[in-house]
Every structure is written in structure tokens, then in C-alpha cells.
Amino acid sequence: MRYMRFALAGACAFGLVGLTPATAAEPVKIRMSWVAPVANWASIVLEKKDLAKHMGKSYTVESVRYQGTPQMITAIANNELEVSNLAYSSLAIAIENAGLDDIRVIADEFQDGVPGYYTQEYFVRKDSGIDKVEDLKGKVIGTNAGGSAVDIAMRAMLRKHGLEEKRDYTMVESPLPAMPAVLLEKKADLVPAVLPFAFNPKLREEGKVLFKQNEALGVTQMIVWTARKSFIEKNRAAMVDFMEDMLRITRWFLDPKNHDEVAQIASRITKAPPERFGWLFTKQDTYRDPNLLPNLEALQRNVDVTRELGFVKNKIDIKKYSDISLVQEAAKRLQ
């Protein structure tokens, strides 16, 4: 009997040891943020989770919607968000004004002004009598929020033509989906029109493009994925698995042969007809790197402009706040 008790105890111990590697490590929880449906990857990646072979094993994903990046910065600071899609301007504000010195750029979401692809457009009314940027003196300018990516580009263009806020023009805030109405109802004389709202038929009919973002900033690294250094270091293996799956999903969405299914997915998410998404993930859309690699040189220039316009005070070295090794390591697995 005593021998049997020892044998049973040994067998149980062996069993527990054998189970430890499989049961000790729970999947890492990754909460991803987004604002605009379809335009932000986090709003659509879970539609193709069948391609994510590591999901549910080494990590799990929760897609979380925010009204804007300021709320994301607060969530990151409070460890309520693991992967955030920040604009170049909100990245700078997070680093300096929110004190997130350990935030790291880990991937690209999309870039504006890449040759051959879409660049942000800024509209005036055809009947406004505004034909050049200088004509905006004394006018009302629409913006979604001071310091946003589209706002920074607009201010930079106006400054190039000698115009400064308060001295030369007045700004009013409105949500981006409302911008076509704001312009056409004469509540503002110039508005930014982001995708897909830039394709509003009435806006195209009654409005005209005064300038484009690439004229103000050249190539813009508009949105990047970020994570905190402490989270990356603690969960590096799971994060590489996550990036591998995100690469696989990204490439599926960008593959032209999948475009019809992509349009159906976009339709399901937005409740809009699929035929409205002929532009999505084509050259009519902004550029998205198939390797999820951000353009750090462009990002540095964009952050510098944010500082020149007074939204942050100090020079920020973007390379210090970047870690693209995760996506690079993940990409090697897919070669």
C-alpha cells in the first residue's frame, strides 16, 4: 500500500510537471484601439481571425473603439490599452505632454501622400470665391480638433502662405463625418475631408479641392501602432506571434483578388452598400505598408512640424521611441 501511495504521488507529480508548460501561461490580453471603421485596422482584423493561427493560444485580442486619440493616450497611461493607433501629432503629445517616455512605435497603420496613392484633400465651396490659400484670410476654417493629424497639416499649409490662427482666420470644431455638411451649409469656408467622406457626391459636386496634404507635408506617416516598452519586454514572444498574425491578415486585405470579399466585410461593419467601397485598399486609398513597417523618416518630419506649430515644446527623436524589431522578426517567419 505504501509503495502504491508513493507511486501515485509520483505519477501525480509527474503529471503536474508535464502539464505546467501548457497551463501555466495564460494567453496575453491585447486590447487594440480604433476610431474610424474600416480605415483603422483594429476595426476589421477580427473579421479574418481564421488567419490568426496564434490567436487564442499565446494571445487574445479585444478591439476597443475610442472617439479620438486623446482618450487613447489616457488609456495607455492607465494600462487600459496595449496597442494603440496614434496619429503623428498625438504621439508627440503623448511623449511630451502625457509623460509616456516608454511608448514605442511598433508598426504602420497608414501613410498619406505616398506617390500614386491618395492624399488628404481640403475643400472650399465652388461659389466661395476662394481660389488660393491666401484668400482664406478672414475666413472660418473647420477642424475636427486642434492638434489632430489633419489639423496640423492644414495649419502648416496656411502658415506656408502667411496665415496664422486668430490673427488671420477663425477655427471651428466639428466631427469629421459632418465636414461636408459644415462646408455646404456655409458654417466654414474650408474643411478637411477624410476617407470615405471625401467621396461624398454632393461635396464633389458643390465643393472643390483647394489644396492637398502632400502639398503641406509631403509624405506623412499618419497613423502608427504603439505599445509601452514594459509591456513589450514582458510579453515579447506573444507580441511577435501577434504581429505575425496581423501581417498575414493585412496582406490578405491588401490582396486585390480578395477585394470583393473585403467590400462585403466593409459593408457589414459600416452598414453601407458594398459598391461604395471600390476604393478601399486600392491606390484610391491611402498607402498601407504590406510589411507593417512605418516610415520613420516621414514620422520624424511630421513630429517636427507638430513642434514648430507649438503643440509640443521640445525636439523628439523618433528613433528613440521606435521598436520595429517585433514586426521584422514576425515577417521573417512568413518568408
Protein backbone atom coordinates (compact mmCIF):
# COMPACT_ATOMS: atom_id res chain seq x y z
CA MET A 1 0.00 0.00 0.00
CA ARG A 2 2.82 2.34 0.95
CA TYR A 3 4.50 1.62 -2.37
CA MET A 4 1.26 2.34 -4.18
CA ARG A 5 0.84 5.68 -2.36
CA PHE A 6 4.39 6.71 -3.37
CA ALA A 7 3.79 5.58 -6.92
CA LEU A 8 0.52 7.51 -7.11
CA ALA A 9 2.13 10.62 -5.66
CA GLY A 10 4.98 10.34 -8.13
CA ALA A 11 2.61 9.89 -11.02
CA CYS A 12 0.61 12.95 -9.95
CA ALA A 13 3.74 15.00 -9.57
CA PHE A 14 4.92 13.88 -12.99
CA GLY A 15 1.56 14.75 -14.43
CA LEU A 16 1.60 18.21 -12.89
CA VAL A 17 5.11 18.84 -14.14
CA GLY A 18 4.09 17.67 -17.57
CA LEU A 19 1.08 19.98 -17.58
CA THR A 20 2.88 23.05 -16.30
CA PRO A 21 4.20 24.41 -19.63
CA ALA A 22 0.79 24.12 -21.23
CA THR A 23 -1.28 25.51 -18.36
CA ALA A 24 0.93 27.98 -16.50
CA ALA A 25 0.96 30.70 -19.17
CA GLU A 26 -2.41 32.26 -19.92
CA PRO A 27 -2.76 33.97 -23.33
CA VAL A 28 -1.64 37.61 -23.20
CA LYS A 29 -4.57 40.01 -23.44
CA ILE A 30 -4.07 42.63 -26.16
CA ARG A 31 -6.57 45.47 -26.39
CA MET A 32 -6.34 47.35 -29.71
CA SER A 33 -7.86 50.76 -30.34
CA TRP A 34 -9.63 52.30 -33.31
CA VAL A 35 -11.66 55.38 -34.22
CA ALA A 36 -12.84 55.10 -37.83
CA PRO A 37 -14.46 51.89 -39.09
CA VAL A 38 -12.56 50.18 -41.92
CA ALA A 39 -9.90 52.93 -42.01
CA ASN A 40 -8.35 51.62 -38.77
CA TRP A 41 -7.07 48.05 -38.84
CA ALA A 42 -8.39 47.18 -35.37
CA SER A 43 -11.95 47.64 -36.65
CA ILE A 44 -11.61 44.85 -39.24
CA VAL A 45 -8.80 42.43 -38.35
CA LEU A 46 -11.08 40.21 -36.28
CA GLU A 47 -13.19 39.65 -39.40
CA LYS A 48 -10.35 37.40 -40.60
CA LYS A 49 -9.33 35.81 -37.32
CA ASP A 50 -9.32 32.47 -39.13
CA LEU A 51 -5.93 33.58 -40.48
CA ALA A 52 -4.58 34.27 -36.97
CA LYS A 53 -3.04 30.93 -36.02
CA HIS A 54 -1.67 32.16 -32.68
CA MET A 55 -4.83 33.95 -31.52
CA GLY A 56 -6.36 32.24 -28.50
CA LYS A 57 -3.12 30.41 -27.82
CA SER A 58 -0.34 32.86 -26.97
CA TYR A 59 -2.56 35.95 -27.02
CA THR A 60 -6.14 37.19 -27.30
CA VAL A 61 -7.37 40.39 -28.96
CA GLU A 62 -10.07 42.82 -27.93
CA SER A 63 -10.97 45.62 -30.33
CA VAL A 64 -11.89 48.84 -28.49
CA ARG A 65 -13.37 51.95 -30.09
CA TYR A 66 -12.47 55.47 -28.93
CA GLN A 67 -13.82 58.85 -30.00
CA GLY A 68 -10.29 60.12 -30.61
CA THR A 69 -6.63 59.73 -29.75
CA PRO A 70 -6.68 61.91 -26.58
CA GLN A 71 -8.78 59.22 -24.88
CA MET A 72 -6.34 56.58 -26.11
CA ILE A 73 -3.42 58.42 -24.52
CA THR A 74 -5.22 58.36 -21.17
CA ALA A 75 -5.99 54.65 -21.60
CA ILE A 76 -2.36 53.83 -22.44
CA ALA A 77 -1.15 55.79 -19.41
CA ASN A 78 -3.56 53.82 -17.18
CA ASN A 79 -2.61 50.45 -18.74
CA GLU A 80 -6.13 50.05 -20.12
CA LEU A 81 -4.87 49.67 -23.70
CA GLU A 82 -1.96 47.60 -25.04
CA VAL A 83 -1.78 48.55 -28.75
CA SER A 84 -2.93 51.99 -29.78
CA ASN A 85 -3.19 53.61 -33.21
CA LEU A 86 -1.89 57.14 -32.66
CA ALA A 87 -1.55 59.96 -35.17
CA TYR A 88 1.90 61.50 -35.52
CA SER A 89 0.68 64.57 -33.62
CA SER A 90 -0.91 62.65 -30.73
CA LEU A 91 2.24 60.51 -30.50
CA ALA A 92 4.29 63.66 -29.87
CA ILE A 93 1.73 64.90 -27.32
CA ALA A 94 1.75 61.50 -25.56
CA ILE A 95 5.53 61.54 -25.25
CA GLU A 96 5.95 65.10 -24.04
CA ASN A 97 2.70 66.31 -22.53
CA ALA A 98 1.48 62.99 -21.08
CA GLY A 99 4.94 61.87 -19.99
CA LEU A 100 4.78 58.49 -21.73
CA ASP A 101 8.52 58.19 -22.16
CA ASP A 102 8.30 54.41 -22.60
CA ILE A 103 5.86 54.46 -25.53
CA ARG A 104 7.18 52.78 -28.68
CA VAL A 105 6.15 52.88 -32.35
CA ILE A 106 5.81 49.24 -33.40
CA ALA A 107 4.04 49.29 -36.79
CA ASP A 108 2.49 51.28 -39.62
CA GLU A 109 -1.25 51.75 -40.00
CA PHE A 110 -1.36 54.07 -43.00
CA GLN A 111 0.60 56.81 -44.75
CA ASP A 112 -0.62 59.86 -46.65
CA GLY A 113 0.86 61.34 -49.80
CA VAL A 114 2.83 58.32 -50.99
CA PRO A 115 3.21 58.83 -54.77
CA GLY A 116 0.44 57.07 -56.68
CA TYR A 117 -1.86 56.82 -53.65
CA TYR A 118 -4.50 59.04 -52.08
CA THR A 119 -3.58 62.21 -50.22
CA GLN A 120 -5.88 64.14 -47.89
CA GLU A 121 -7.99 66.83 -49.57
CA TYR A 122 -9.13 70.20 -48.21
CA PHE A 123 -12.32 71.62 -49.72
CA VAL A 124 -13.91 75.04 -50.26
CA ARG A 125 -17.25 75.74 -51.94
CA LYS A 126 -17.19 76.37 -55.67
CA ASP A 127 -19.20 79.57 -55.17
CA SER A 128 -17.00 80.86 -52.33
CA GLY A 129 -14.70 82.99 -54.46
CA ILE A 130 -11.74 81.29 -52.76
CA ASP A 131 -9.21 80.26 -55.39
CA LYS A 132 -5.92 80.26 -53.48
CA VAL A 133 -4.81 79.76 -49.89
CA GLU A 134 -4.28 83.50 -49.36
CA ASP A 135 -8.00 84.01 -50.00
CA LEU A 136 -8.70 82.31 -46.67
CA LYS A 137 -7.68 85.42 -44.74
CA GLY A 138 -10.60 86.46 -42.54
CA LYS A 139 -12.42 83.18 -43.19
CA VAL A 140 -13.67 80.35 -40.96
CA ILE A 141 -11.72 77.08 -41.02
CA GLY A 142 -13.25 73.76 -39.99
CA THR A 143 -11.19 71.30 -37.93
CA ASN A 144 -12.00 68.10 -36.06
CA ALA A 145 -9.69 69.00 -33.15
CA GLY A 146 -6.72 71.24 -32.53
CA GLY A 147 -3.54 69.20 -32.82
CA SER A 148 -5.07 66.32 -34.79
CA ALA A 149 -3.18 64.99 -37.80
CA VAL A 150 -5.45 66.67 -40.36
CA ASP A 151 -5.44 69.86 -38.28
CA ILE A 152 -1.63 70.03 -38.18
CA ALA A 153 -1.41 69.58 -41.96
CA MET A 154 -3.96 72.33 -42.52
CA ARG A 155 -2.23 74.77 -40.17
CA ALA A 156 1.12 74.00 -41.82
CA MET A 157 -0.29 74.81 -45.26
CA LEU A 158 -1.85 78.07 -44.07
CA ARG A 159 1.40 79.07 -42.37
CA LYS A 160 3.29 78.48 -45.62
CA HIS A 161 1.07 81.16 -47.10
CA GLY A 162 1.50 83.59 -44.22
CA LEU A 163 -1.73 82.86 -42.36
CA GLU A 164 -1.94 82.23 -38.61
CA GLU A 165 -4.89 81.21 -36.44
CA LYS A 166 -6.69 84.00 -34.55
CA ARG A 167 -4.73 86.69 -36.38
CA ASP A 168 -5.84 85.73 -39.89
CA TYR A 169 -8.62 83.15 -39.56
CA THR A 170 -11.04 81.58 -37.08
CA MET A 171 -11.32 77.85 -36.40
CA VAL A 172 -14.45 75.89 -35.51
CA GLU A 173 -14.53 72.24 -34.46
CA SER A 174 -16.81 69.58 -35.88
CA PRO A 175 -16.68 65.76 -36.25
CA LEU A 176 -15.05 64.53 -39.46
CA PRO A 177 -18.22 62.80 -40.77
CA ALA A 178 -20.03 66.16 -40.56
CA MET A 179 -17.45 68.14 -42.55
CA PRO A 180 -19.21 68.03 -45.95
CA ALA A 181 -22.37 69.45 -44.34
CA VAL A 182 -20.37 72.06 -42.40
CA LEU A 183 -18.92 73.34 -45.66
CA LEU A 184 -22.03 73.18 -47.81
CA GLU A 185 -24.19 74.81 -45.12
CA LYS A 186 -21.65 77.66 -45.01
CA LYS A 187 -20.64 77.10 -41.39
CA ALA A 188 -16.99 77.06 -42.51
CA ASP A 189 -15.13 78.17 -45.63
CA LEU A 190 -12.52 75.38 -45.66
CA VAL A 191 -12.82 71.83 -44.32
CA PRO A 192 -10.74 68.65 -44.34
CA ALA A 193 -12.46 65.66 -45.95
CA VAL A 194 -11.02 62.33 -44.87
CA LEU A 195 -11.84 59.00 -46.49
CA PRO A 196 -14.54 57.88 -47.08
CA PHE A 197 -16.24 61.27 -46.60
CA ALA A 198 -14.04 62.83 -49.30
CA PHE A 199 -16.03 60.80 -51.84
CA ASN A 200 -19.34 62.36 -50.80
CA PRO A 201 -21.06 63.04 -54.17
CA LYS A 202 -22.61 66.34 -53.07
CA LEU A 203 -19.27 67.55 -51.72
CA ARG A 204 -17.64 66.73 -55.05
CA GLU A 205 -20.43 68.47 -56.92
CA GLU A 206 -20.65 71.70 -54.90
CA GLY A 207 -17.14 71.85 -53.49
CA LYS A 208 -13.64 71.98 -54.94
CA VAL A 209 -10.22 70.95 -53.66
CA LEU A 210 -8.17 73.99 -52.65
CA PHE A 211 -5.07 72.01 -51.67
CA LYS A 212 -3.92 68.54 -50.71
CA GLN A 213 -2.00 67.35 -47.69
CA ASN A 214 1.08 66.30 -49.62
CA GLU A 215 1.49 69.95 -50.66
CA ALA A 216 1.81 70.85 -46.99
CA LEU A 217 3.77 67.93 -45.54
CA GLY A 218 4.93 65.66 -48.35
CA VAL A 219 4.67 62.02 -47.29
CA THR A 220 3.00 61.74 -43.89
CA GLN A 221 3.19 58.79 -41.52
CA MET A 222 -0.39 59.49 -40.46
CA ILE A 223 -1.12 56.68 -38.03
CA VAL A 224 1.19 54.26 -36.21
CA TRP A 225 0.66 51.39 -33.81
CA THR A 226 2.22 51.96 -30.42
CA ALA A 227 2.79 49.92 -27.26
CA ARG A 228 4.61 50.54 -24.00
CA LYS A 229 8.16 49.24 -23.64
CA SER A 230 7.37 47.48 -20.36
CA PHE A 231 4.54 45.52 -22.00
CA ILE A 232 6.71 44.57 -24.99
CA GLU A 233 9.55 43.33 -22.79
CA LYS A 234 7.24 41.29 -20.56
CA ASN A 235 5.31 39.73 -23.47
CA ARG A 236 7.75 39.74 -26.37
CA ALA A 237 7.07 36.20 -27.61
CA ALA A 238 3.31 36.77 -27.66
CA MET A 239 3.76 40.14 -29.36
CA VAL A 240 5.81 38.57 -32.16
CA ASP A 241 3.06 35.95 -32.58
CA PHE A 242 0.52 38.78 -32.67
CA MET A 243 2.48 40.70 -35.30
CA GLU A 244 2.86 37.55 -37.42
CA ASP A 245 -0.90 37.11 -37.44
CA MET A 246 -1.52 40.80 -38.14
CA LEU A 247 0.88 40.63 -41.09
CA ARG A 248 -0.96 37.65 -42.51
CA ILE A 249 -4.33 39.40 -42.13
CA THR A 250 -3.03 42.71 -43.51
CA ARG A 251 -1.68 41.06 -46.62
CA TRP A 252 -4.97 39.26 -47.17
CA PHE A 253 -6.90 42.55 -47.08
CA LEU A 254 -4.42 44.22 -49.42
CA ASP A 255 -4.51 41.40 -51.99
CA PRO A 256 -6.61 42.59 -55.00
CA LYS A 257 -8.03 39.12 -55.53
CA ASN A 258 -9.84 39.41 -52.19
CA HIS A 259 -11.35 42.82 -52.93
CA ASP A 260 -14.94 41.62 -53.41
CA GLU A 261 -14.94 39.90 -50.02
CA VAL A 262 -13.24 42.96 -48.48
CA ALA A 263 -16.08 45.15 -49.75
CA GLN A 264 -18.60 42.76 -48.20
CA ILE A 265 -16.77 42.94 -44.87
CA ALA A 266 -16.68 46.74 -45.03
CA SER A 267 -20.38 46.78 -45.85
CA ARG A 268 -21.19 44.54 -42.89
CA ILE A 269 -19.23 46.75 -40.50
CA THR A 270 -20.48 50.12 -41.74
CA LYS A 271 -24.00 49.10 -42.86
CA ALA A 272 -23.27 50.78 -46.21
CA PRO A 273 -23.66 49.08 -49.63
CA PRO A 274 -20.54 47.13 -50.71
CA GLU A 275 -20.37 49.04 -54.02
CA ARG A 276 -19.35 52.13 -52.06
CA PHE A 277 -16.02 50.51 -51.20
CA GLY A 278 -14.47 50.16 -54.63
CA TRP A 279 -11.68 52.49 -53.46
CA LEU A 280 -10.80 50.56 -50.31
CA PHE A 281 -7.25 49.17 -50.19
CA THR A 282 -6.56 50.31 -53.75
CA LYS A 283 -4.47 53.24 -54.98
CA GLN A 284 -7.51 55.45 -54.40
CA ASP A 285 -6.89 54.75 -50.71
CA THR A 286 -4.01 55.89 -48.52
CA TYR A 287 -0.88 53.72 -48.57
CA ARG A 288 -0.61 50.80 -46.16
CA ASP A 289 2.71 49.02 -45.91
CA PRO A 290 2.25 45.25 -46.54
CA ASN A 291 5.07 44.60 -44.06
CA LEU A 292 3.55 46.98 -41.48
CA LEU A 293 6.79 48.98 -41.50
CA PRO A 294 6.36 52.65 -40.56
CA ASN A 295 8.17 55.41 -42.46
CA LEU A 296 10.26 56.72 -39.57
CA GLU A 297 11.88 59.47 -41.63
CA ALA A 298 8.48 60.89 -42.54
CA LEU A 299 7.30 60.44 -38.97
CA GLN A 300 10.26 62.48 -37.71
CA ARG A 301 9.42 65.32 -40.12
CA ASN A 302 5.77 65.22 -39.11
CA VAL A 303 6.58 65.37 -35.40
CA ASP A 304 8.96 68.27 -36.08
CA VAL A 305 6.11 70.20 -37.73
CA THR A 306 3.92 69.49 -34.70
CA ARG A 307 6.61 71.13 -32.55
CA GLU A 308 7.04 74.08 -34.93
CA LEU A 309 3.32 74.77 -34.64
CA GLY A 310 3.60 74.91 -30.85
CA PHE A 311 1.79 71.73 -29.79
CA VAL A 312 4.93 70.36 -28.12
CA LYS A 313 7.95 72.33 -26.95
CA ASN A 314 10.95 70.04 -27.29
CA LYS A 315 12.64 68.16 -30.12
CA ILE A 316 11.65 64.49 -30.10
CA ASP A 317 13.96 61.84 -31.55
CA ILE A 318 11.53 59.34 -33.06
CA LYS A 319 14.13 56.56 -33.33
CA LYS A 320 14.38 56.60 -29.53
CA TYR A 321 10.66 55.89 -29.37
CA SER A 322 10.50 53.16 -32.02
CA ASP A 323 10.82 49.38 -31.89
CA ILE A 324 10.14 47.75 -35.24
CA SER A 325 12.02 44.57 -34.29
CA LEU A 326 8.74 42.82 -33.45
CA VAL A 327 7.28 43.16 -36.93
CA GLN A 328 10.65 42.47 -38.55
CA GLU A 329 11.00 39.22 -36.61
CA ALA A 330 7.42 38.28 -37.47
CA ALA A 331 7.99 38.98 -41.17
CA LYS A 332 10.91 36.54 -41.26
CA ARG A 333 8.53 33.75 -40.31
CA LEU A 334 6.38 34.44 -43.38
CA GLN A 335 9.20 34.48 -45.93
